[in-house]
Protein backbone atom coordinates (compact mmCIF):
# COMPACT_ATOMS: atom_id res chain seq x y z
CA UNK A 1 10.40 170.79 -248.56
CA UNK A 2 6.73 172.30 -248.56
CA UNK A 3 4.25 170.54 -246.20
CA UNK A 4 0.76 171.39 -245.80
CA UNK A 5 -1.79 169.86 -242.64
CA UNK A 6 -4.64 171.15 -240.36
CA UNK A 7 -2.51 172.09 -237.72
CA UNK A 8 -5.91 171.38 -235.08
CA UNK A 9 -5.54 167.80 -235.79
CA UNK A 10 -3.03 166.09 -233.71
CA UNK A 11 -3.67 162.86 -236.89
CA UNK A 12 -2.37 164.98 -238.96
CA UNK A 13 0.27 166.74 -237.12
CA UNK A 14 1.33 163.54 -236.38
CA UNK A 15 1.74 162.54 -239.91
CA UNK A 16 3.57 165.85 -240.85
CA UNK A 17 6.44 164.64 -238.50
CA UNK A 18 7.21 161.04 -240.11
CA UNK A 19 7.10 163.06 -243.22
CA UNK A 20 9.97 165.64 -241.66
CA UNK A 21 11.64 162.82 -240.27
CA UNK A 22 11.27 160.62 -243.24
CA UNK A 23 13.36 163.38 -245.27
CA UNK A 24 15.58 164.99 -242.50
CA UNK A 25 16.13 162.23 -239.81
CA UNK A 26 15.22 164.24 -236.76
CA UNK A 27 13.46 167.11 -235.54
CA UNK A 28 15.60 169.73 -234.19
CA UNK A 29 13.71 172.71 -234.04
CA UNK A 30 9.85 173.61 -233.92
CA UNK A 31 8.65 177.38 -235.05
CA UNK A 32 5.55 176.95 -233.81
CA UNK A 33 3.78 180.04 -235.20
CA UNK A 34 0.31 178.68 -236.96
CA UNK A 35 -2.42 180.67 -236.75
CA UNK A 36 -5.18 182.80 -238.30
CA UNK A 37 -7.88 185.25 -238.80
CA UNK A 38 -10.92 183.94 -240.40
CA UNK A 39 -12.01 187.18 -241.16
CA UNK A 40 -12.54 190.52 -240.84
CA UNK A 41 -15.92 191.94 -239.63
CA UNK A 42 -17.01 194.76 -237.60
CA UNK A 43 -18.00 194.59 -234.15
CA UNK A 44 -21.74 194.45 -233.98
CA UNK A 45 -21.50 191.45 -237.66
CA UNK A 46 -19.08 188.97 -234.66
CA UNK A 47 -21.19 186.00 -233.97
CA UNK A 48 -20.30 183.76 -231.21
CA UNK A 49 -20.09 180.68 -233.89
CA UNK A 50 -17.69 183.17 -235.38
CA UNK A 51 -15.53 183.88 -232.45
CA UNK A 52 -15.38 180.28 -231.57
CA UNK A 53 -13.99 179.36 -234.82
CA UNK A 54 -11.08 182.04 -234.87
CA UNK A 55 -10.33 181.22 -230.97
CA UNK A 56 -10.38 177.63 -231.99
CA UNK A 57 -7.59 177.30 -234.26
CA UNK A 58 -5.50 179.84 -232.43
CA UNK A 59 -5.55 178.51 -228.91
CA UNK A 60 -5.76 174.65 -229.94
CA UNK A 61 -3.29 174.66 -232.77
CA UNK A 62 -0.55 175.53 -230.28
CA UNK A 63 -0.95 172.83 -227.83
CA UNK A 64 -1.86 170.74 -230.68
CA UNK A 65 1.48 170.71 -232.58
CA UNK A 66 3.70 170.83 -229.27
CA UNK A 67 2.23 168.26 -227.40
CA UNK A 68 2.86 166.61 -230.99
CA UNK A 69 6.20 167.59 -231.93
CA UNK A 70 7.45 168.64 -228.13
CA UNK A 71 6.51 164.22 -227.78
CA UNK A 72 8.46 163.37 -230.52
CA UNK A 73 11.70 165.44 -229.76
CA UNK A 74 11.46 163.59 -225.55
CA UNK A 75 12.01 160.52 -228.03
CA UNK A 76 14.93 161.44 -229.91
CA UNK A 77 16.91 163.25 -226.76
CA UNK A 78 16.08 166.89 -227.34
CA UNK A 79 14.46 169.74 -229.59
CA UNK A 80 13.80 173.35 -229.40
CA UNK A 81 10.52 175.39 -229.82
CA UNK A 82 10.25 178.24 -229.91
CA UNK A 83 6.50 179.36 -229.82
CA UNK A 84 4.63 183.14 -231.32
CA UNK A 85 1.62 184.03 -231.08
CA UNK A 86 -0.50 187.06 -232.51
CA UNK A 87 -3.03 186.69 -230.14
CA UNK A 88 -1.73 188.03 -227.37
CA UNK A 89 -1.99 190.89 -229.12
CA UNK A 90 -5.73 190.43 -229.67
CA UNK A 91 -6.88 193.67 -227.23
CA UNK A 92 -4.47 196.13 -228.51
CA UNK A 93 -5.47 195.24 -232.02
CA UNK A 94 -9.73 194.85 -231.73
CA UNK A 95 -8.80 198.21 -230.62
CA UNK A 96 -7.37 199.44 -233.24
CA UNK A 97 -9.35 197.92 -235.71
CA UNK A 98 -12.44 198.96 -233.70
CA UNK A 99 -11.59 202.89 -233.77
CA UNK A 100 -14.73 204.87 -235.12
CA UNK A 101 -13.16 205.79 -238.93
CA UNK A 102 -11.44 202.60 -239.66
CA UNK A 103 -14.47 201.11 -241.48
CA UNK A 104 -16.57 203.79 -241.93
CA UNK A 105 -18.80 202.91 -238.87
CA UNK A 106 -18.95 203.93 -234.71
CA UNK A 107 -17.69 201.40 -232.56
CA UNK A 108 -20.88 201.30 -231.00
């Protein structure tokens, strides 16, 4: 079964839960690894809006999905959740990507 939802929208996640429970009867495991880089830009071209869009998606999705699915799991008597977030590696990835030569431009 493949489903699609806006992982930043609580109502959309509740619909996803309803469809999953209708098909499988319950939710025993949540693998929460949603996140996305909405595009790549040189350091000097990163706008506040671009940064906020990436941060919003990658942080809010973790909270929204956990809030809704874990609430359901509590009502059903249990379940397990595994969370993964590449955002924790942001600083290392940013440094690697911003090194001179990766895109033909110097860091600064």
